[in-house]
Structures are given as structure tokens and as C-alpha cells.
């Protein structure tokens, strides 16, 4: 289905890009071109069918008998477990260390005084030869 859509799109693209104005300009003023005759196709002889070879016969031999499948399978011997389980040894652990005591009050710290922030900027000295001359009012 997709290939037929692609084929239709290709044919549509070919017809849309053809320049048919030259062929349709003066169709009655042209003479019909002579169509060259096609060469004749020689007839080929019919092949004669050769007889097919016969199929060889396969030897038929006696098959060995299929062994019988036992109805019950041998059961493995599972050892029995002892009923009484051995007791595990008990280990004695050393006592845990005691935690140190944490002080409940926080000691007071004295901080040095903060430096004061200046409120005005220092005056920058002016250099006389870089400053513009005073404006004169007319």
C-alpha cells in the first residue's frame, strides 16, 4: 500500500514538473513524424521436455523396539534429621562505656566591638589641569 502511494506521488511529481507549453503551442502546424517500424522478433524453437529422473526407493529396515518406560521411579533415600537440636553457647559481652556528661549551661562569650561605618565619603582632591574651566554665563 505504501509503495503504491509512493508511486502515485512520483508520477504526480513528474507530471507537475513537465514543461508542456512547447508541445501545446502549435500542434496543428507540425507534421506527423514517421514512426519507424519495429524489428521483427524471431520465433524461438519450442524446447522438448526431458524425462524427469525417477525417485530412488529408500530401503525399509526393521526399527529396534522402543524401551518400556517404568511406571514408578526409584525414590532417593533422604537421611533423617535428629529431633533434639544442639544448644548454642552463650557469650558474655563486656559492659558498654558510659557517656560523658554534657554541660547544661552555655558559657557567655564577649565579642570585640564592631568598627563604626562612616556615613560620608571622604572628599577626593581635584587635580587642576584635569578639571574643565568654569562655565561663563552670557
N, C-alpha and C. Protein backbone atom coordinates (compact mmCIF):
# COMPACT_ATOMS: atom_id res chain seq x y z
N UNK A 1 0.83 -1.19 0.00
CA UNK A 1 0.00 0.00 0.00
C UNK A 1 0.87 1.25 0.00
N UNK A 2 1.93 1.21 0.80
CA UNK A 2 2.80 2.38 0.87
C UNK A 2 3.56 2.57 -0.43
N UNK A 3 3.92 1.45 -1.10
CA UNK A 3 4.67 1.60 -2.35
C UNK A 3 3.78 2.17 -3.45
N UNK A 4 2.48 1.85 -3.43
CA UNK A 4 1.61 2.42 -4.46
C UNK A 4 1.40 3.91 -4.23
N UNK A 5 1.34 4.33 -2.96
CA UNK A 5 1.23 5.77 -2.68
C UNK A 5 2.48 6.50 -3.12
N UNK A 6 3.63 5.88 -2.89
CA UNK A 6 4.89 6.48 -3.30
C UNK A 6 4.95 6.58 -4.82
N UNK A 7 4.47 5.54 -5.51
CA UNK A 7 4.46 5.55 -6.97
C UNK A 7 3.56 6.66 -7.49
N UNK A 8 2.40 6.83 -6.89
CA UNK A 8 1.48 7.89 -7.30
C UNK A 8 2.10 9.26 -7.07
N UNK A 9 2.80 9.43 -5.95
CA UNK A 9 3.45 10.71 -5.69
C UNK A 9 4.56 10.99 -6.70
N UNK A 10 5.30 9.98 -7.09
CA UNK A 10 6.38 10.17 -8.07
C UNK A 10 5.79 10.54 -9.42
N UNK A 11 4.72 9.85 -9.84
CA UNK A 11 4.10 10.17 -11.12
C UNK A 11 3.52 11.58 -11.09
N UNK A 12 2.90 11.97 -9.98
CA UNK A 12 2.36 13.32 -9.87
C UNK A 12 3.47 14.36 -9.92
N UNK A 13 4.61 14.07 -9.29
CA UNK A 13 5.74 15.00 -9.33
C UNK A 13 6.29 15.12 -10.74
N UNK A 14 6.35 14.02 -11.48
CA UNK A 14 6.87 14.07 -12.85
C UNK A 14 5.95 14.91 -13.73
N UNK A 15 4.64 14.68 -13.62
CA UNK A 15 3.72 15.45 -14.47
C UNK A 15 3.65 16.92 -14.07
N UNK A 16 3.88 17.23 -12.79
CA UNK A 16 3.80 18.63 -12.40
C UNK A 16 5.04 19.41 -12.82
N UNK A 17 6.16 18.73 -13.06
CA UNK A 17 7.37 19.45 -13.44
C UNK A 17 7.63 19.45 -14.94
N UNK A 18 6.78 18.78 -15.72
CA UNK A 18 7.00 18.76 -17.17
C UNK A 18 6.64 20.11 -17.78
N UNK A 19 7.40 20.51 -18.76
CA UNK A 19 7.12 21.75 -19.46
C UNK A 19 6.36 21.38 -20.73
N UNK A 20 5.05 21.49 -20.67
CA UNK A 20 4.22 21.06 -21.80
C UNK A 20 3.85 22.22 -22.72
N UNK A 21 4.37 23.40 -22.44
CA UNK A 21 3.98 24.54 -23.28
C UNK A 21 4.55 24.43 -24.69
N UNK A 22 5.72 23.79 -24.83
CA UNK A 22 6.30 23.67 -26.17
C UNK A 22 5.48 22.72 -27.04
N UNK A 23 4.97 21.68 -26.47
CA UNK A 23 4.20 20.73 -27.24
C UNK A 23 2.80 21.22 -27.56
N UNK A 24 2.26 22.11 -26.75
CA UNK A 24 0.89 22.58 -26.95
C UNK A 24 0.83 23.91 -27.69
N UNK A 25 1.95 24.47 -28.10
CA UNK A 25 1.94 25.79 -28.71
C UNK A 25 1.29 25.77 -30.09
N UNK A 26 1.78 24.96 -30.98
CA UNK A 26 1.22 24.90 -32.34
C UNK A 26 1.05 23.46 -32.75
N UNK A 27 0.11 22.77 -32.21
CA UNK A 27 0.01 21.34 -32.56
C UNK A 27 -0.44 21.10 -33.99
N UNK A 28 -1.20 22.04 -34.58
CA UNK A 28 -1.68 21.82 -35.93
C UNK A 28 -0.67 22.23 -37.00
N UNK A 29 0.34 22.98 -36.66
CA UNK A 29 1.30 23.45 -37.64
C UNK A 29 2.43 22.45 -37.87
N UNK A 30 2.48 21.43 -37.07
CA UNK A 30 3.57 20.47 -37.24
C UNK A 30 3.10 19.29 -38.06
N UNK A 31 4.00 18.63 -38.69
CA UNK A 31 3.67 17.42 -39.45
C UNK A 31 3.87 16.21 -38.56
N UNK A 32 3.14 15.20 -38.83
CA UNK A 32 3.24 13.99 -38.02
C UNK A 32 4.57 13.31 -38.32
N UNK A 33 5.31 12.97 -37.32
CA UNK A 33 6.58 12.28 -37.56
C UNK A 33 6.31 10.86 -38.00
N UNK A 34 7.23 10.35 -38.77
CA UNK A 34 7.09 8.97 -39.21
C UNK A 34 7.59 8.05 -38.11
N UNK A 35 6.81 7.07 -37.83
CA UNK A 35 7.18 6.13 -36.79
C UNK A 35 7.99 5.02 -37.42
N UNK A 36 9.19 4.79 -36.92
CA UNK A 36 10.00 3.72 -37.51
C UNK A 36 9.36 2.37 -37.20
N UNK A 37 9.54 1.45 -38.14
CA UNK A 37 8.96 0.13 -37.94
C UNK A 37 9.84 -0.65 -36.97
N UNK A 38 9.18 -1.44 -36.17
CA UNK A 38 9.90 -2.23 -35.19
C UNK A 38 10.50 -3.46 -35.86
N UNK A 39 11.64 -3.89 -35.39
CA UNK A 39 12.22 -5.10 -35.98
C UNK A 39 11.38 -6.30 -35.58
N UNK A 40 11.41 -7.30 -36.43
CA UNK A 40 10.63 -8.50 -36.15
C UNK A 40 11.37 -9.37 -35.16
N UNK A 41 10.61 -10.00 -34.30
CA UNK A 41 11.20 -10.87 -33.28
C UNK A 41 11.22 -12.27 -33.86
N UNK A 42 12.38 -12.89 -33.91
CA UNK A 42 12.43 -14.24 -34.47
C UNK A 42 11.73 -15.22 -33.52
N UNK A 43 11.14 -16.23 -34.12
CA UNK A 43 10.47 -17.23 -33.30
C UNK A 43 11.50 -18.21 -32.79
N UNK A 44 11.34 -18.57 -31.55
CA UNK A 44 12.29 -19.49 -30.92
C UNK A 44 11.72 -20.90 -30.98
N UNK A 45 12.59 -21.86 -31.11
CA UNK A 45 12.08 -23.25 -31.15
C UNK A 45 11.56 -23.65 -29.77
N UNK A 46 10.54 -24.48 -29.76
CA UNK A 46 9.99 -24.96 -28.50
C UNK A 46 10.92 -26.00 -27.93
N UNK A 47 11.26 -25.87 -26.67
CA UNK A 47 12.16 -26.88 -26.10
C UNK A 47 11.40 -28.18 -25.87
N UNK A 48 12.11 -29.23 -26.05
CA UNK A 48 11.49 -30.53 -25.79
C UNK A 48 11.72 -30.86 -24.34
N UNK A 49 10.71 -31.33 -23.69
CA UNK A 49 10.84 -31.62 -22.27
C UNK A 49 11.55 -32.95 -22.09
N UNK A 50 12.53 -32.94 -21.26
CA UNK A 50 13.30 -34.14 -20.99
C UNK A 50 12.57 -34.93 -19.90
N UNK A 51 12.68 -36.24 -19.94
CA UNK A 51 12.02 -37.01 -18.88
C UNK A 51 12.72 -36.78 -17.55
N UNK A 52 11.93 -36.68 -16.51
CA UNK A 52 12.49 -36.47 -15.18
C UNK A 52 13.05 -37.78 -14.66
N UNK A 53 14.12 -37.70 -13.85
CA UNK A 53 14.67 -38.95 -13.30
C UNK A 53 13.70 -39.53 -12.28
N UNK A 54 13.75 -40.83 -12.18
CA UNK A 54 12.85 -41.49 -11.24
C UNK A 54 13.40 -41.35 -9.84
N UNK A 55 12.47 -41.35 -8.88
CA UNK A 55 12.88 -41.24 -7.49
C UNK A 55 13.41 -42.58 -7.02
N UNK A 56 14.56 -42.58 -6.34
CA UNK A 56 15.07 -43.87 -5.85
C UNK A 56 14.21 -44.34 -4.68
N UNK A 57 14.14 -45.62 -4.53
CA UNK A 57 13.38 -46.18 -3.43
C UNK A 57 14.28 -46.25 -2.21
N UNK A 58 13.74 -45.90 -1.08
CA UNK A 58 14.50 -45.92 0.15
C UNK A 58 14.39 -47.30 0.77
N UNK A 59 15.48 -47.77 1.37
CA UNK A 59 15.40 -49.09 1.99
C UNK A 59 14.53 -49.03 3.23
N UNK A 60 13.75 -50.07 3.42
CA UNK A 60 12.91 -50.14 4.60
C UNK A 60 13.52 -51.19 5.51
N UNK A 61 13.89 -50.78 6.68
CA UNK A 61 14.50 -51.70 7.63
C UNK A 61 13.64 -51.82 8.86
N UNK A 62 13.91 -52.82 9.64
CA UNK A 62 13.16 -53.01 10.87
C UNK A 62 13.74 -52.09 11.94
N UNK A 63 12.87 -51.39 12.62
CA UNK A 63 13.30 -50.48 13.67
C UNK A 63 13.44 -51.25 14.96
N UNK A 64 14.40 -50.86 15.82
CA UNK A 64 14.52 -51.55 17.11
C UNK A 64 13.31 -51.21 17.99
N UNK A 65 12.96 -52.08 18.88
CA UNK A 65 11.79 -51.81 19.73
C UNK A 65 12.08 -50.65 20.69
N UNK A 66 11.03 -49.94 21.02
CA UNK A 66 11.16 -48.82 21.95
C UNK A 66 11.19 -49.39 23.36
N UNK A 67 12.15 -48.94 24.20
CA UNK A 67 12.21 -49.48 25.55
C UNK A 67 10.98 -49.05 26.36
N UNK A 68 10.57 -49.89 27.27
CA UNK A 68 9.40 -49.59 28.08
C UNK A 68 9.75 -48.56 29.14
N UNK A 69 8.80 -47.66 29.41
CA UNK A 69 9.01 -46.63 30.41
C UNK A 69 8.52 -47.19 31.74
N UNK A 70 9.36 -47.15 32.79
CA UNK A 70 8.90 -47.68 34.08
C UNK A 70 7.78 -46.80 34.64
N UNK A 71 6.84 -47.41 35.29
CA UNK A 71 5.70 -46.65 35.84
C UNK A 71 6.07 -45.97 37.14
N UNK A 72 6.96 -46.55 37.93
CA UNK A 72 7.39 -45.91 39.18
C UNK A 72 8.89 -45.69 39.11
N UNK A 73 9.30 -44.53 39.53
CA UNK A 73 10.72 -44.19 39.52
C UNK A 73 11.31 -44.53 40.88
N UNK A 74 12.59 -44.89 40.91
CA UNK A 74 13.21 -45.19 42.22
C UNK A 74 13.28 -43.92 43.06
N UNK A 75 12.94 -44.03 44.32
CA UNK A 75 12.95 -42.90 45.23
C UNK A 75 14.30 -42.81 45.93
N UNK A 76 14.88 -41.59 46.03
CA UNK A 76 16.17 -41.47 46.72
C UNK A 76 15.97 -41.61 48.23
N UNK A 77 17.02 -42.03 48.89
CA UNK A 77 16.98 -42.16 50.34
C UNK A 77 17.38 -40.83 50.97
N UNK A 78 16.49 -40.27 51.78
CA UNK A 78 16.76 -39.00 52.45
C UNK A 78 17.13 -39.32 53.89
N UNK A 79 18.27 -38.82 54.38
CA UNK A 79 18.63 -39.13 55.77
C UNK A 79 17.68 -38.41 56.73
N UNK A 80 17.42 -39.01 57.83
CA UNK A 80 16.53 -38.40 58.83
C UNK A 80 17.32 -37.44 59.69
N UNK A 81 16.66 -36.38 60.12
CA UNK A 81 17.30 -35.36 60.95
C UNK A 81 17.13 -35.74 62.42
N UNK A 82 18.11 -35.39 63.24
CA UNK A 82 17.93 -35.66 64.68
C UNK A 82 16.84 -34.75 65.24
N UNK A 83 16.10 -35.24 66.20
CA UNK A 83 14.98 -34.47 66.76
C UNK A 83 15.50 -33.39 67.69
N UNK A 84 16.44 -33.70 68.55
CA UNK A 84 16.95 -32.72 69.53
C UNK A 84 18.05 -31.90 68.85
N UNK A 85 17.90 -30.59 68.89
CA UNK A 85 18.89 -29.69 68.32
C UNK A 85 19.94 -29.38 69.38
N UNK A 86 21.22 -29.23 68.97
CA UNK A 86 22.24 -28.89 69.97
C UNK A 86 22.04 -27.46 70.46
N UNK A 87 22.42 -27.19 71.69
CA UNK A 87 22.27 -25.85 72.27
C UNK A 87 23.45 -24.99 71.84
N UNK A 88 23.16 -23.72 71.63
CA UNK A 88 24.21 -22.78 71.23
C UNK A 88 24.89 -22.25 72.46
N UNK A 89 26.20 -22.01 72.37
CA UNK A 89 26.89 -21.44 73.55
C UNK A 89 26.48 -19.99 73.75
N UNK A 90 26.40 -19.55 74.99
CA UNK A 90 26.05 -18.16 75.30
C UNK A 90 27.34 -17.38 75.49
N UNK A 91 27.37 -16.20 74.95
CA UNK A 91 28.55 -15.36 75.07
C UNK A 91 28.24 -14.22 76.02
N UNK A 92 29.22 -13.83 76.79
CA UNK A 92 29.06 -12.69 77.70
C UNK A 92 29.76 -11.51 77.08
N UNK A 93 29.05 -10.41 77.00
CA UNK A 93 29.60 -9.19 76.41
C UNK A 93 30.10 -8.26 77.50
N UNK A 94 31.14 -7.47 77.19
CA UNK A 94 31.61 -6.51 78.20
C UNK A 94 30.59 -5.39 78.35
N UNK A 95 30.58 -4.70 79.47
CA UNK A 95 29.61 -3.61 79.65
C UNK A 95 29.92 -2.44 78.72
N UNK A 96 28.90 -1.71 78.34
CA UNK A 96 29.08 -0.55 77.46
C UNK A 96 29.70 0.60 78.24
N UNK A 97 30.54 1.42 77.56
CA UNK A 97 31.13 2.55 78.29
C UNK A 97 30.06 3.60 78.57
N UNK A 98 30.29 4.38 79.62
CA UNK A 98 29.33 5.42 79.98
C UNK A 98 29.60 6.67 79.16
N UNK A 99 28.54 7.40 78.89
CA UNK A 99 28.67 8.63 78.10
C UNK A 99 29.12 9.76 79.02
N UNK A 100 30.00 10.67 78.51
CA UNK A 100 30.39 11.80 79.36
C UNK A 100 29.20 12.75 79.54
N UNK A 101 29.24 13.47 80.62
CA UNK A 101 28.14 14.40 80.91
C UNK A 101 28.29 15.65 80.05
N UNK A 102 27.16 16.14 79.59
CA UNK A 102 27.13 17.33 78.75
C UNK A 102 26.73 18.51 79.64
N UNK A 103 27.47 19.64 79.55
CA UNK A 103 27.07 20.78 80.40
C UNK A 103 25.73 21.33 79.93
N UNK A 104 24.94 21.75 80.86
CA UNK A 104 23.60 22.27 80.53
C UNK A 104 23.61 23.76 80.29
N UNK A 105 24.61 24.50 80.74
CA UNK A 105 24.66 25.95 80.53
C UNK A 105 25.73 26.26 79.49
N UNK A 106 25.49 27.27 78.69
CA UNK A 106 26.45 27.69 77.67
C UNK A 106 27.22 28.86 78.23
N UNK A 107 28.55 28.83 78.19
CA UNK A 107 29.30 29.98 78.72
C UNK A 107 29.12 31.20 77.83
N UNK A 108 29.11 32.35 78.41
CA UNK A 108 28.93 33.60 77.66
C UNK A 108 30.25 34.02 77.05
N UNK A 109 30.16 34.48 75.82
CA UNK A 109 31.35 34.94 75.12
C UNK A 109 31.27 36.44 74.94
N UNK A 110 32.37 37.12 75.06
CA UNK A 110 32.42 38.56 74.83
C UNK A 110 33.09 38.79 73.48
N UNK A 111 32.40 39.49 72.59
CA UNK A 111 32.93 39.79 71.27
C UNK A 111 33.57 41.15 71.28
N UNK A 112 34.60 41.36 70.45
CA UNK A 112 35.19 42.70 70.37
C UNK A 112 34.20 43.66 69.72
N UNK A 113 34.31 44.96 70.01
CA UNK A 113 33.35 45.91 69.44
C UNK A 113 33.51 46.00 67.91
N UNK A 114 32.39 46.22 67.23
CA UNK A 114 32.39 46.33 65.77
C UNK A 114 32.93 47.70 65.38
N UNK A 115 33.68 47.79 64.27
CA UNK A 115 34.15 49.11 63.84
C UNK A 115 32.98 49.93 63.32
N UNK A 116 33.06 51.23 63.47
CA UNK A 116 31.97 52.10 63.03
C UNK A 116 32.05 52.30 61.52
N UNK A 117 30.90 52.37 60.89
CA UNK A 117 30.82 52.55 59.45
C UNK A 117 30.69 54.04 59.18
N UNK A 118 31.57 54.61 58.33
CA UNK A 118 31.48 56.05 58.07
C UNK A 118 30.20 56.37 57.31
N UNK A 119 29.60 57.52 57.62
CA UNK A 119 28.35 57.91 56.97
C UNK A 119 28.58 58.80 55.76
N UNK A 120 29.76 59.44 55.65
CA UNK A 120 30.03 60.29 54.48
C UNK A 120 31.32 59.81 53.83
N UNK A 121 31.39 60.04 52.52
CA UNK A 121 32.57 59.64 51.78
C UNK A 121 33.64 60.72 51.92
N UNK A 122 34.89 60.33 51.91
CA UNK A 122 35.94 61.36 52.00
C UNK A 122 36.00 62.17 50.71
N UNK A 123 36.41 63.41 50.82
CA UNK A 123 36.49 64.29 49.65
C UNK A 123 37.74 63.95 48.85
N UNK A 124 37.53 63.75 47.54
CA UNK A 124 38.63 63.43 46.65
C UNK A 124 39.22 64.74 46.15
N UNK A 125 40.53 64.92 46.30
CA UNK A 125 41.11 66.19 45.83
C UNK A 125 41.05 66.27 44.31
N UNK A 126 40.83 67.45 43.82
CA UNK A 126 40.75 67.64 42.38
C UNK A 126 42.11 68.06 41.85
N UNK A 127 42.38 67.62 40.65
CA UNK A 127 43.64 67.98 40.01
C UNK A 127 43.31 69.14 39.07
N UNK A 128 44.03 70.29 39.20
CA UNK A 128 43.62 71.49 38.48
C UNK A 128 43.67 71.37 36.96
N UNK A 129 44.64 70.69 36.40
CA UNK A 129 44.75 70.68 34.93
C UNK A 129 43.79 69.67 34.31
N UNK A 130 43.14 68.78 35.08
CA UNK A 130 42.17 67.83 34.51
C UNK A 130 40.73 68.32 34.65
N UNK A 131 40.53 69.39 35.43
CA UNK A 131 39.15 69.85 35.60
C UNK A 131 38.83 70.84 34.51
N UNK A 132 37.59 70.87 34.02
CA UNK A 132 37.23 71.82 32.96
C UNK A 132 37.15 73.25 33.52
N UNK A 133 37.30 74.20 32.66
CA UNK A 133 37.21 75.60 33.15
C UNK A 133 35.77 75.90 33.54
N UNK A 134 35.57 76.83 34.40
CA UNK A 134 34.19 77.18 34.82
C UNK A 134 33.41 77.74 33.64
N UNK A 135 32.13 77.44 33.65
CA UNK A 135 31.28 77.91 32.55
C UNK A 135 30.99 79.40 32.71
N UNK A 136 31.05 80.08 31.63
CA UNK A 136 30.73 81.52 31.68
C UNK A 136 29.29 81.70 31.25
N UNK A 137 28.55 82.46 32.01
CA UNK A 137 27.13 82.66 31.66
C UNK A 137 27.01 83.92 30.79
N UNK A 138 26.26 83.91 29.76
CA UNK A 138 26.17 85.07 28.85
C UNK A 138 25.30 86.18 29.37
